[in-house]
Amino acid sequence: MQQDQFIKEIAAEFEHEKNITAETKFQQLKSWDSMHALIVIARIDELCNVMLSADDLKKAKTIQDLYQMVIRQKSS
């Protein structure tokens, strides 16, 4: 999956947020909570067949970081 498509898919999970980009610090979004964490993990698994952990989400600061984690896991 290309980065632009990944961002679009993840941004869709934050329907009330605007202007989500690769540099968006997703944990600072107003709507971010533990439920969104689970939703993002499940959505990434569904889209990319990669299971990120809660620790992965804690380490990631931006959506770009999430994408890079996915790419690394798929290539290993």
N, C-alpha and C. Protein backbone atom coordinates (compact mmCIF):
# COMPACT_ATOMS: atom_id res chain seq x y z
N MET A 1 0.85 -1.18 0.00
CA MET A 1 0.00 0.00 0.00
C MET A 1 0.90 1.24 0.00
N GLN A 2 0.53 2.18 -0.82
CA GLN A 2 1.26 3.44 -0.90
C GLN A 2 0.95 4.32 0.32
N GLN A 3 1.90 5.18 0.66
CA GLN A 3 1.74 6.03 1.84
C GLN A 3 0.49 6.90 1.75
N ASP A 4 0.22 7.50 0.61
CA ASP A 4 -0.96 8.37 0.48
C ASP A 4 -2.24 7.62 0.78
N GLN A 5 -2.36 6.41 0.28
CA GLN A 5 -3.55 5.60 0.53
C GLN A 5 -3.63 5.21 2.01
N PHE A 6 -2.50 4.87 2.60
CA PHE A 6 -2.45 4.53 4.02
C PHE A 6 -2.96 5.69 4.86
N ILE A 7 -2.46 6.89 4.58
CA ILE A 7 -2.88 8.08 5.33
C ILE A 7 -4.38 8.31 5.16
N LYS A 8 -4.86 8.17 3.96
CA LYS A 8 -6.29 8.36 3.69
C LYS A 8 -7.14 7.37 4.50
N GLU A 9 -6.71 6.13 4.54
CA GLU A 9 -7.46 5.09 5.28
C GLU A 9 -7.43 5.34 6.79
N ILE A 10 -6.28 5.72 7.31
CA ILE A 10 -6.19 6.00 8.75
C ILE A 10 -6.97 7.27 9.09
N ALA A 11 -6.87 8.28 8.25
CA ALA A 11 -7.59 9.54 8.47
C ALA A 11 -9.10 9.30 8.53
N ALA A 12 -9.59 8.35 7.77
CA ALA A 12 -11.02 8.05 7.76
C ALA A 12 -11.51 7.59 9.14
N GLU A 13 -10.62 7.07 9.95
CA GLU A 13 -10.99 6.64 11.30
C GLU A 13 -11.15 7.82 12.26
N PHE A 14 -10.73 8.98 11.82
CA PHE A 14 -10.84 10.21 12.61
C PHE A 14 -11.73 11.18 11.86
N GLU A 15 -12.97 10.80 11.67
CA GLU A 15 -13.88 11.53 10.80
C GLU A 15 -14.14 12.97 11.22
N HIS A 16 -13.94 13.30 12.48
CA HIS A 16 -14.20 14.67 12.94
C HIS A 16 -12.96 15.54 12.90
N GLU A 17 -11.82 14.97 12.52
CA GLU A 17 -10.57 15.71 12.45
C GLU A 17 -10.35 16.17 11.01
N LYS A 18 -9.68 17.29 10.86
CA LYS A 18 -9.41 17.83 9.53
C LYS A 18 -7.91 17.89 9.30
N ASN A 19 -7.54 17.89 8.04
CA ASN A 19 -6.16 18.10 7.62
C ASN A 19 -5.18 17.09 8.21
N ILE A 20 -5.52 15.85 8.16
CA ILE A 20 -4.61 14.81 8.65
C ILE A 20 -3.60 14.51 7.54
N THR A 21 -2.32 14.58 7.91
CA THR A 21 -1.22 14.34 6.98
C THR A 21 -0.26 13.32 7.57
N ALA A 22 0.80 13.03 6.84
CA ALA A 22 1.81 12.10 7.34
C ALA A 22 2.44 12.61 8.63
N GLU A 23 2.52 13.92 8.77
CA GLU A 23 3.16 14.52 9.94
C GLU A 23 2.21 14.70 11.13
N THR A 24 0.95 14.35 10.96
CA THR A 24 -0.02 14.49 12.05
C THR A 24 0.39 13.64 13.24
N LYS A 25 0.44 14.25 14.39
CA LYS A 25 0.73 13.53 15.63
C LYS A 25 -0.61 13.00 16.14
N PHE A 26 -0.91 11.78 15.74
CA PHE A 26 -2.25 11.22 15.94
C PHE A 26 -2.64 11.13 17.42
N GLN A 27 -1.69 10.95 18.30
CA GLN A 27 -2.02 10.84 19.73
C GLN A 27 -2.42 12.19 20.33
N GLN A 28 -2.19 13.26 19.60
CA GLN A 28 -2.57 14.59 20.07
C GLN A 28 -3.91 15.05 19.49
N LEU A 29 -4.52 14.22 18.65
CA LEU A 29 -5.82 14.57 18.11
C LEU A 29 -6.86 14.57 19.22
N LYS A 30 -7.81 15.46 19.13
CA LYS A 30 -8.85 15.57 20.17
C LYS A 30 -9.60 14.27 20.37
N SER A 31 -9.81 13.54 19.29
CA SER A 31 -10.60 12.32 19.38
C SER A 31 -9.79 11.08 19.76
N TRP A 32 -8.47 11.22 19.96
CA TRP A 32 -7.64 10.07 20.29
C TRP A 32 -7.97 9.56 21.69
N ASP A 33 -8.20 8.28 21.78
CA ASP A 33 -8.42 7.62 23.07
C ASP A 33 -8.09 6.14 22.89
N SER A 34 -8.29 5.37 23.93
CA SER A 34 -7.94 3.95 23.86
C SER A 34 -8.77 3.20 22.82
N MET A 35 -10.00 3.63 22.61
CA MET A 35 -10.83 2.99 21.59
C MET A 35 -10.25 3.24 20.19
N HIS A 36 -9.81 4.47 19.94
CA HIS A 36 -9.19 4.76 18.65
C HIS A 36 -7.90 3.97 18.47
N ALA A 37 -7.17 3.75 19.54
CA ALA A 37 -5.96 2.94 19.45
C ALA A 37 -6.30 1.55 18.93
N LEU A 38 -7.33 0.95 19.50
CA LEU A 38 -7.74 -0.39 19.05
C LEU A 38 -8.24 -0.37 17.61
N ILE A 39 -8.97 0.68 17.26
CA ILE A 39 -9.49 0.81 15.89
C ILE A 39 -8.34 0.93 14.90
N VAL A 40 -7.35 1.74 15.22
CA VAL A 40 -6.20 1.92 14.32
C VAL A 40 -5.43 0.62 14.18
N ILE A 41 -5.20 -0.09 15.28
CA ILE A 41 -4.51 -1.38 15.20
C ILE A 41 -5.27 -2.35 14.31
N ALA A 42 -6.59 -2.43 14.50
CA ALA A 42 -7.42 -3.34 13.70
C ALA A 42 -7.44 -2.93 12.24
N ARG A 43 -7.53 -1.63 11.98
CA ARG A 43 -7.58 -1.15 10.60
C ARG A 43 -6.27 -1.43 9.86
N ILE A 44 -5.15 -1.24 10.54
CA ILE A 44 -3.86 -1.54 9.92
C ILE A 44 -3.75 -3.03 9.64
N ASP A 45 -4.21 -3.86 10.56
CA ASP A 45 -4.21 -5.30 10.34
C ASP A 45 -5.07 -5.66 9.12
N GLU A 46 -6.24 -5.05 9.04
CA GLU A 46 -7.16 -5.32 7.93
C GLU A 46 -6.57 -4.86 6.59
N LEU A 47 -5.99 -3.67 6.58
CA LEU A 47 -5.47 -3.09 5.33
C LEU A 47 -4.15 -3.71 4.89
N CYS A 48 -3.28 -3.95 5.85
CA CYS A 48 -1.89 -4.30 5.51
C CYS A 48 -1.47 -5.69 5.97
N ASN A 49 -2.35 -6.35 6.70
CA ASN A 49 -2.03 -7.67 7.25
C ASN A 49 -0.79 -7.60 8.15
N VAL A 50 -0.74 -6.53 8.94
CA VAL A 50 0.35 -6.31 9.90
C VAL A 50 -0.30 -5.99 11.25
N MET A 51 0.12 -6.70 12.28
CA MET A 51 -0.43 -6.47 13.60
C MET A 51 0.55 -5.65 14.42
N LEU A 52 0.21 -4.39 14.64
CA LEU A 52 1.01 -3.54 15.51
C LEU A 52 0.54 -3.74 16.95
N SER A 53 1.44 -3.52 17.87
CA SER A 53 1.11 -3.67 19.28
C SER A 53 0.80 -2.31 19.90
N ALA A 54 0.30 -2.34 21.11
CA ALA A 54 0.08 -1.09 21.84
C ALA A 54 1.41 -0.37 22.04
N ASP A 55 2.48 -1.12 22.28
CA ASP A 55 3.80 -0.50 22.41
C ASP A 55 4.24 0.18 21.12
N ASP A 56 3.92 -0.43 19.99
CA ASP A 56 4.23 0.20 18.70
C ASP A 56 3.53 1.55 18.60
N LEU A 57 2.26 1.58 18.98
CA LEU A 57 1.52 2.84 18.93
C LEU A 57 2.12 3.88 19.86
N LYS A 58 2.59 3.45 21.01
CA LYS A 58 3.22 4.38 21.95
C LYS A 58 4.51 4.96 21.37
N LYS A 59 5.26 4.14 20.64
CA LYS A 59 6.53 4.58 20.06
C LYS A 59 6.31 5.52 18.89
N ALA A 60 5.25 5.30 18.14
CA ALA A 60 4.97 6.11 16.96
C ALA A 60 4.45 7.48 17.39
N LYS A 61 4.94 8.50 16.75
CA LYS A 61 4.48 9.86 17.04
C LYS A 61 3.55 10.37 15.94
N THR A 62 3.84 9.99 14.71
CA THR A 62 3.07 10.50 13.58
C THR A 62 2.49 9.34 12.77
N ILE A 63 1.61 9.67 11.86
CA ILE A 63 1.06 8.65 10.96
C ILE A 63 2.17 8.11 10.07
N GLN A 64 3.13 8.95 9.72
CA GLN A 64 4.30 8.50 8.96
C GLN A 64 5.04 7.42 9.73
N ASP A 65 5.19 7.60 11.04
CA ASP A 65 5.85 6.58 11.87
C ASP A 65 5.10 5.25 11.80
N LEU A 66 3.78 5.30 11.85
CA LEU A 66 2.98 4.08 11.73
C LEU A 66 3.23 3.40 10.39
N TYR A 67 3.22 4.20 9.34
CA TYR A 67 3.45 3.66 8.00
C TYR A 67 4.83 2.99 7.92
N GLN A 68 5.83 3.64 8.46
CA GLN A 68 7.18 3.07 8.43
C GLN A 68 7.26 1.75 9.22
N MET A 69 6.53 1.68 10.33
CA MET A 69 6.47 0.42 11.09
C MET A 69 5.86 -0.69 10.26
N VAL A 70 4.80 -0.37 9.54
CA VAL A 70 4.15 -1.34 8.68
C VAL A 70 5.12 -1.82 7.60
N ILE A 71 5.80 -0.89 6.95
CA ILE A 71 6.75 -1.24 5.89
C ILE A 71 7.86 -2.13 6.45
N ARG A 72 8.40 -1.78 7.61
CA ARG A 72 9.46 -2.60 8.20
C ARG A 72 8.98 -4.01 8.51
N GLN A 73 7.77 -4.13 9.07
CA GLN A 73 7.25 -5.46 9.42
C GLN A 73 6.98 -6.29 8.16
N LYS A 74 6.51 -5.63 7.12
CA LYS A 74 6.21 -6.38 5.88
C LYS A 74 7.49 -6.85 5.19
N SER A 75 8.58 -6.09 5.38
CA SER A 75 9.82 -6.45 4.70
C SER A 75 10.68 -7.41 5.51
N SER A 76 10.29 -7.67 6.75
CA SER A 76 11.11 -8.59 7.57
C SER A 76 10.60 -10.01 7.51
